[in-house]
C-alpha atoms as a PDB file:
ATOM      1  CA  MET A   1     300.459  72.493 207.989  1.00  0.00           C
ATOM      2  CA  ARG A   2     300.207  75.176 205.324  1.00  0.00           C
ATOM      3  CA  THR A   3     303.232  76.502 203.459  1.00  0.00           C
ATOM      4  CA  PRO A   4     303.661  80.319 203.463  1.00  0.00           C
ATOM      5  CA  LEU A   5     304.285  81.726 200.005  1.00  0.00           C
ATOM      6  CA  LYS A   6     307.233  83.689 201.367  1.00  0.00           C
ATOM      7  CA  ALA A   7     308.881  80.399 202.294  1.00  0.00           C
ATOM      8  CA  LEU A   8     308.739  79.155 198.717  1.00  0.00           C
ATOM      9  CA  ARG A   9     311.749  81.013 197.351  1.00  0.00           C
ATOM     10  CA  LEU A  10     313.452  78.884 194.785  1.00  0.00           C
ATOM     11  CA  PRO A  11     317.249  78.920 195.002  1.00  0.00           C
ATOM     12  CA  CYS A  12     318.218  80.615 191.748  1.00  0.00           C
ATOM     13  CA  GLU A  13     321.654  79.078 191.696  1.00  0.00           C
ATOM     14  CA  THR A  14     320.179  75.587 191.346  1.00  0.00           C
ATOM     15  CA  PHE A  15     318.906  76.500 187.875  1.00  0.00           C
ATOM     16  CA  HIS A  16     322.220  77.551 186.341  1.00  0.00           C
ATOM     17  CA  MET A  17     322.444  74.639 183.966  1.00  0.00           C
ATOM     18  CA  SER A  18     323.141  74.614 180.261  1.00  0.00           C
ATOM     19  CA  GLY A  19     320.594  76.040 177.839  1.00  0.00           C
ATOM     20  CA  LYS A  20     319.203  79.552 177.466  1.00  0.00           C
ATOM     21  CA  PRO A  21     315.530  78.462 177.790  1.00  0.00           C
ATOM     22  CA  ARG A  22     316.274  76.968 181.203  1.00  0.00           C
ATOM     23  CA  LEU A  23     318.001  80.166 182.318  1.00  0.00           C
ATOM     24  CA  ARG A  24     315.070  82.268 181.126  1.00  0.00           C
ATOM     25  CA  LEU A  25     312.648  80.052 183.070  1.00  0.00           C
ATOM     26  CA  ALA A  26     314.844  80.363 186.150  1.00  0.00           C
ATOM     27  CA  ALA A  27     314.782  84.141 185.919  1.00  0.00           C
ATOM     28  CA  VAL A  28     310.976  84.187 185.671  1.00  0.00           C
ATOM     29  CA  LEU A  29     310.538  81.821 188.615  1.00  0.00           C
ATOM     30  CA  CYS A  30     312.939  83.699 190.839  1.00  0.00           C
ATOM     31  CA  ALA A  31     311.253  87.015 190.038  1.00  0.00           C
ATOM     32  CA  ALA A  32     307.852  85.549 190.830  1.00  0.00           C
ATOM     33  CA  ALA A  33     309.128  84.118 194.101  1.00  0.00           C
ATOM     34  CA  ALA A  34     310.404  87.540 195.118  1.00  0.00           C
ATOM     35  CA  ALA A  35     307.087  89.164 194.238  1.00  0.00           C
ATOM     36  CA  LEU A  36     305.127  86.588 196.204  1.00  0.00           C
ATOM     37  CA  THR A  37     307.328  87.275 199.200  1.00  0.00           C
ATOM     38  CA  LEU A  38     306.372  90.936 199.033  1.00  0.00           C
ATOM     39  CA  THR A  39     302.652  90.283 198.712  1.00  0.00           C
ATOM     40  CA  GLY A  40     302.423  87.872 201.621  1.00  0.00           C
ATOM     41  CA  CYS A  41     301.625  90.034 204.655  1.00  0.00           C
ATOM     42  CA  SER A  42     300.592  87.396 207.127  1.00  0.00           C
ATOM     43  CA  SER A  43     301.406  83.779 207.803  1.00  0.00           C
ATOM     44  CA  THR A  44     298.716  83.535 210.464  1.00  0.00           C
ATOM     45  CA  GLY A  45     295.392  81.806 209.966  1.00  0.00           C
ATOM     46  CA  SER A  46     293.265  84.948 210.058  1.00  0.00           C
ATOM     47  CA  GLY A  47     295.018  87.048 207.448  1.00  0.00           C
ATOM     48  CA  SER A  48     293.513  90.108 209.148  1.00  0.00           C
ATOM     49  CA  GLY A  49     296.561  92.251 208.434  1.00  0.00           C
ATOM     50  CA  ASP A  50     295.500  92.767 204.810  1.00  0.00           C
ATOM     51  CA  ALA A  51     291.757  92.545 205.157  1.00  0.00           C
ATOM     52  CA  GLN A  52     289.428  94.359 202.818  1.00  0.00           C
ATOM     53  CA  ALA A  53     286.684  96.538 204.244  1.00  0.00           C
ATOM     54  CA  GLY A  54     284.178  94.479 206.211  1.00  0.00           C
ATOM     55  CA  PHE A  55     286.489  91.488 206.392  1.00  0.00           C
ATOM     56  CA  VAL A  56     285.515  88.926 209.025  1.00  0.00           C
ATOM     57  CA  ALA A  57     288.319  86.721 210.318  1.00  0.00           C
ATOM     58  CA  GLY A  58     286.991  83.272 211.049  1.00  0.00           C
ATOM     59  CA  THR A  59     288.423  80.488 213.133  1.00  0.00           C
ATOM     60  CA  GLY A  60     290.979  78.018 211.879  1.00  0.00           C
ATOM     61  CA  GLY A  61     291.969  80.094 208.867  1.00  0.00           C
ATOM     62  CA  LEU A  62     288.475  80.400 207.359  1.00  0.00           C
ATOM     63  CA  ASP A  63     287.718  84.031 206.470  1.00  0.00           C
ATOM     64  CA  THR A  64     284.633  85.652 204.929  1.00  0.00           C
ATOM     65  CA  VAL A  65     283.441  88.996 203.563  1.00  0.00           C
ATOM     66  CA  PRO A  66     279.859  90.307 203.933  1.00  0.00           C
ATOM     67  CA  VAL A  67     277.994  90.618 200.646  1.00  0.00           C
ATOM     68  CA  ALA A  68     277.990  94.422 200.573  1.00  0.00           C
ATOM     69  CA  GLN A  69     281.745  94.647 201.129  1.00  0.00           C
ATOM     70  CA  ARG A  70     283.010  92.190 198.515  1.00  0.00           C
ATOM     71  CA  LYS A  71     285.484  93.043 195.756  1.00  0.00           C
ATOM     72  CA  ALA A  72     285.588  91.663 192.237  1.00  0.00           C
ATOM     73  CA  ALA A  73     287.868  88.704 191.637  1.00  0.00           C
ATOM     74  CA  PRO A  74     290.699  89.294 189.151  1.00  0.00           C
ATOM     75  CA  ALA A  75     290.645  87.929 185.611  1.00  0.00           C
ATOM     76  CA  ILE A  76     292.243  84.541 186.208  1.00  0.00           C
ATOM     77  CA  GLY A  77     293.028  82.483 183.133  1.00  0.00           C
ATOM     78  CA  GLY A  78     295.548  80.400 181.234  1.00  0.00           C
ATOM     79  CA  ASN A  79     295.967  76.889 179.882  1.00  0.00           C
ATOM     80  CA  ASP A  80     294.835  73.913 181.908  1.00  0.00           C
ATOM     81  CA  LEU A  81     297.047  70.857 182.451  1.00  0.00           C
ATOM     82  CA  ALA A  82     296.032  69.499 179.039  1.00  0.00           C
ATOM     83  CA  GLY A  83     296.872  72.780 177.302  1.00  0.00           C
ATOM     84  CA  LYS A  84     293.260  73.937 176.898  1.00  0.00           C
ATOM     85  CA  PRO A  85     292.474  77.633 177.528  1.00  0.00           C
ATOM     86  CA  THR A  86     290.618  77.945 180.833  1.00  0.00           C
ATOM     87  CA  ALA A  87     289.475  81.014 182.747  1.00  0.00           C
ATOM     88  CA  LEU A  88     287.354  82.113 185.672  1.00  0.00           C
ATOM     89  CA  ALA A  89     285.255  84.035 183.142  1.00  0.00           C
ATOM     90  CA  ASP A  90     284.153  80.693 181.648  1.00  0.00           C
ATOM     91  CA  TYR A  91     281.719  80.262 184.565  1.00  0.00           C
ATOM     92  CA  PRO A  92     279.441  83.327 184.662  1.00  0.00           C
ATOM     93  CA  GLY A  93     276.676  83.160 187.246  1.00  0.00           C
ATOM     94  CA  LYS A  94     278.269  80.238 189.054  1.00  0.00           C
ATOM     95  CA  ILE A  95     279.908  80.021 192.455  1.00  0.00           C
ATOM     96  CA  VAL A  96     283.544  79.167 191.763  1.00  0.00           C
ATOM     97  CA  VAL A  97     285.835  77.499 194.283  1.00  0.00           C
ATOM     98  CA  ILE A  98     289.479  78.222 193.440  1.00  0.00           C
ATOM     99  CA  ASN A  99     292.151  76.030 194.991  1.00  0.00           C
ATOM    100  CA  VAL A 100     295.829  77.021 194.817  1.00  0.00           C
ATOM    101  CA  TRP A 101     297.985  73.892 194.933  1.00  0.00           C
ATOM    102  CA  GLY A 102     301.204  72.180 193.913  1.00  0.00           C
ATOM    103  CA  SER A 103     302.042  68.513 193.464  1.00  0.00           C
ATOM    104  CA  TRP A 104     305.084  69.024 195.732  1.00  0.00           C
ATOM    105  CA  CYS A 105     302.857  70.291 198.574  1.00  0.00           C
ATOM    106  CA  SER A 106     302.063  67.680 201.224  1.00  0.00           C
ATOM    107  CA  PRO A 107     299.007  69.542 202.643  1.00  0.00           C
ATOM    108  CA  CYS A 108     297.667  69.784 199.082  1.00  0.00           C
ATOM    109  CA  ARG A 109     297.778  66.006 198.854  1.00  0.00           C
ATOM    110  CA  ASP A 110     295.978  65.779 202.194  1.00  0.00           C
ATOM    111  CA  GLU A 111     293.016  67.871 201.012  1.00  0.00           C
ATOM    112  CA  ALA A 112     292.792  66.784 197.361  1.00  0.00           C
ATOM    113  CA  LYS A 113     290.209  64.036 197.799  1.00  0.00           C
ATOM    114  CA  ASN A 114     288.079  66.225 200.071  1.00  0.00           C
ATOM    115  CA  LEU A 115     287.954  68.869 197.349  1.00  0.00           C
ATOM    116  CA  GLU A 116     287.092  66.319 194.684  1.00  0.00           C
ATOM    117  CA  GLN A 117     284.286  64.912 196.848  1.00  0.00           C
ATOM    118  CA  ALA A 118     282.937  68.443 197.353  1.00  0.00           C
ATOM    119  CA  TYR A 119     283.107  69.049 193.602  1.00  0.00           C
ATOM    120  CA  ASP A 120     280.973  65.961 192.993  1.00  0.00           C
ATOM    121  CA  LYS A 121     278.592  67.053 195.740  1.00  0.00           C
ATOM    122  CA  TYR A 122     278.035  70.617 194.559  1.00  0.00           C
ATOM    123  CA  LYS A 123     278.586  70.594 190.777  1.00  0.00           C
ATOM    124  CA  ASP A 124     274.875  70.137 190.053  1.00  0.00           C
ATOM    125  CA  GLN A 125     274.025  73.064 192.359  1.00  0.00           C
ATOM    126  CA  GLY A 126     275.737  75.769 190.317  1.00  0.00           C
ATOM    127  CA  VAL A 127     279.181  75.399 191.890  1.00  0.00           C
ATOM    128  CA  GLN A 128     282.334  75.013 189.797  1.00  0.00           C
ATOM    129  CA  PHE A 129     285.790  74.111 191.093  1.00  0.00           C
ATOM    130  CA  LEU A 130     288.938  75.518 189.461  1.00  0.00           C
ATOM    131  CA  GLY A 131     292.520  74.843 190.499  1.00  0.00           C
ATOM    132  CA  ILE A 132     295.611  77.002 190.104  1.00  0.00           C
ATOM    133  CA  ASN A 133     298.632  74.733 189.961  1.00  0.00           C
ATOM    134  CA  THR A 134     301.806  76.578 190.928  1.00  0.00           C
ATOM    135  CA  ARG A 135     305.549  75.945 191.277  1.00  0.00           C
ATOM    136  CA  ASP A 136     305.424  72.697 189.343  1.00  0.00           C
ATOM    137  CA  LEU A 137     308.228  73.115 186.807  1.00  0.00           C
ATOM    138  CA  SER A 138     306.863  70.197 184.785  1.00  0.00           C
ATOM    139  CA  VAL A 139     303.211  69.827 183.914  1.00  0.00           C
ATOM    140  CA  THR A 140     303.737  66.054 184.092  1.00  0.00           C
ATOM    141  CA  ASN A 141     304.002  66.193 187.890  1.00  0.00           C
ATOM    142  CA  ALA A 142     300.760  68.141 188.112  1.00  0.00           C
ATOM    143  CA  GLN A 143     299.001  65.745 185.749  1.00  0.00           C
ATOM    144  CA  ARG A 144     300.158  62.788 187.822  1.00  0.00           C
ATOM    145  CA  PHE A 145     298.809  64.457 190.974  1.00  0.00           C
ATOM    146  CA  GLU A 146     295.384  64.789 189.353  1.00  0.00           C
ATOM    147  CA  GLN A 147     295.427  61.189 188.165  1.00  0.00           C
ATOM    148  CA  VAL A 148     296.385  59.796 191.563  1.00  0.00           C
ATOM    149  CA  ASN A 149     293.681  61.821 193.309  1.00  0.00           C
ATOM    150  CA  SER A 150     291.041  61.355 190.569  1.00  0.00           C
ATOM    151  CA  ILE A 151     290.537  65.105 190.198  1.00  0.00           C
ATOM    152  CA  GLY A 152     287.709  65.856 187.769  1.00  0.00           C
ATOM    153  CA  TYR A 153     287.784  69.663 187.662  1.00  0.00           C
ATOM    154  CA  PRO A 154     290.308  71.730 185.655  1.00  0.00           C
ATOM    155  CA  SER A 155     293.406  73.484 186.948  1.00  0.00           C
ATOM    156  CA  ILE A 156     295.281  76.358 185.349  1.00  0.00           C
ATOM    157  CA  PHE A 157     298.992  75.585 184.935  1.00  0.00           C
ATOM    158  CA  ASP A 158     300.722  78.559 186.588  1.00  0.00           C
ATOM    159  CA  PRO A 159     304.316  77.513 187.371  1.00  0.00           C
ATOM    160  CA  ASP A 160     305.628  81.045 187.913  1.00  0.00           C
ATOM    161  CA  GLY A 161     302.718  82.301 190.047  1.00  0.00           C
ATOM    162  CA  THR A 162     301.477  84.865 187.503  1.00  0.00           C
ATOM    163  CA  GLN A 163     297.803  84.148 188.188  1.00  0.00           C
ATOM    164  CA  ILE A 164     298.263  84.220 191.963  1.00  0.00           C
ATOM    165  CA  LEU A 165     299.836  87.667 191.739  1.00  0.00           C
ATOM    166  CA  LYS A 166     296.692  89.013 190.065  1.00  0.00           C
ATOM    167  CA  PHE A 167     294.928  88.944 193.440  1.00  0.00           C
ATOM    168  CA  PRO A 168     295.675  92.384 194.927  1.00  0.00           C
ATOM    169  CA  LYS A 169     296.652  92.809 198.524  1.00  0.00           C
ATOM    170  CA  GLY A 170     293.575  93.426 200.618  1.00  0.00           C
ATOM    171  CA  SER A 171     291.255  91.312 198.449  1.00  0.00           C
ATOM    172  CA  LEU A 172     291.511  87.960 200.230  1.00  0.00           C
ATOM    173  CA  ASN A 173     294.644  87.275 198.216  1.00  0.00           C
ATOM    174  CA  PRO A 174     296.308  83.854 198.552  1.00  0.00           C
ATOM    175  CA  GLN A 175     299.147  83.983 201.057  1.00  0.00           C
ATOM    176  CA  THR A 176     299.847  80.317 201.636  1.00  0.00           C
ATOM    177  CA  ILE A 177     299.766  77.086 199.701  1.00  0.00           C
ATOM    178  CA  PRO A 178     297.238  75.585 199.796  1.00  0.00           C
ATOM    179  CA  THR A 179     294.714  78.414 199.735  1.00  0.00           C
ATOM    180  CA  THR A 180     291.076  77.991 198.735  1.00  0.00           C
ATOM    181  CA  LEU A 181     288.904  80.918 197.626  1.00  0.00           C
ATOM    182  CA  VAL A 182     285.160  81.132 197.004  1.00  0.00           C
ATOM    183  CA  ILE A 183     283.905  83.470 194.284  1.00  0.00           C
ATOM    184  CA  ASP A 184     280.211  84.332 194.505  1.00  0.00           C
ATOM    185  CA  ARG A 185     277.708  84.307 191.633  1.00  0.00           C
ATOM    186  CA  ARG A 186     278.524  87.933 190.810  1.00  0.00           C
ATOM    187  CA  GLY A 187     282.233  87.241 190.471  1.00  0.00           C
ATOM    188  CA  ARG A 188     283.262  88.652 193.851  1.00  0.00           C
ATOM    189  CA  LEU A 189     285.626  87.271 196.465  1.00  0.00           C
ATOM    190  CA  ALA A 190     283.444  85.900 199.250  1.00  0.00           C
ATOM    191  CA  ALA A 191     285.612  83.606 201.381  1.00  0.00           C
ATOM    192  CA  ARG A 192     289.135  82.290 201.851  1.00  0.00           C
ATOM    193  CA  ALA A 193     290.745  79.360 203.648  1.00  0.00           C
ATOM    194  CA  MET A 194     294.511  79.334 204.158  1.00  0.00           C
ATOM    195  CA  LYS A 195     294.913  75.744 205.286  1.00  0.00           C
ATOM    196  CA  PRO A 196     294.304  72.198 204.006  1.00  0.00           C
ATOM    197  CA  LEU A 197     290.578  71.579 204.076  1.00  0.00           C
ATOM    198  CA  THR A 198     288.506  68.811 205.581  1.00  0.00           C
ATOM    199  CA  SER A 199     285.146  67.976 204.038  1.00  0.00           C
ATOM    200  CA  GLU A 200     283.502  69.979 206.827  1.00  0.00           C
ATOM    201  CA  ASP A 201     285.683  73.002 206.042  1.00  0.00           C
ATOM    202  CA  VAL A 202     284.682  72.927 202.380  1.00  0.00           C
ATOM    203  CA  ASP A 203     281.004  72.797 203.340  1.00  0.00           C
ATOM    204  CA  ALA A 204     281.510  75.712 205.734  1.00  0.00           C
ATOM    205  CA  LEU A 205     282.995  77.816 202.928  1.00  0.00           C
ATOM    206  CA  ILE A 206     280.470  76.968 200.225  1.00  0.00           C
ATOM    207  CA  ALA A 207     277.136  76.598 202.034  1.00  0.00           C
ATOM    208  CA  PRO A 208     276.660  80.265 203.093  1.00  0.00           C
ATOM    209  CA  VAL A 209     277.440  81.541 199.570  1.00  0.00           C
ATOM    210  CA  LEU A 210     275.206  78.887 198.011  1.00  0.00           C
ATOM    211  CA  ALA A 211     272.352  80.028 200.271  1.00  0.00           C
ATOM    212  CA  GLU A 212     272.555  83.594 198.990  1.00  0.00           C
ATOM    213  CA  PRO A 213     269.912  84.741 196.467  1.00  0.00           C
ATOM    214  CA  ALA A 214     270.863  83.964 192.889  1.00  0.00           C
ATOM    215  CA  SER A 215     270.182  87.515 191.696  1.00  0.00           C
END
């Protein structure tokens, strides 16, 4: 079962502990939680309430956009879980599968190995996977999640949801955790899944975009 972003409000009072850095972090997280609440327009599988032009609501939370109607993906970037700068722009000309996840998220754990298997399956076909790790206050928890699930692709550490908020409403923006997005070879948002994915779901998202002409 997916977790709506609007349900992820962090109780600000739980952060009022000693130390100004901790209070500053609390303020950032609470502000991000409020913003995510405002951007989430639908907790249903289709997400049709904020669809971009030409949006096609699929079954089971799998949604697609026809080639001619796609919008450019935002400039996602930051440090990965090892502190290395990582960005969507690092993969020009590739299909990029973006997965929004958190180590605290049970459905994320359910789909993790399916995503890793798909990464191994498609990485030699011009497909790159990129995670956005969110709401993990410590990078250690996120690193442990990757170790346990043998994740081989990078994830941007985004504890306050800054990168998620770059996706504008109406552009297949993430509304639940987990959410998986497919960016086509021209850097446009092509598909979205707002649920934990089976291996078959991942294939259903990637295969049509992979079959599109490379130029």
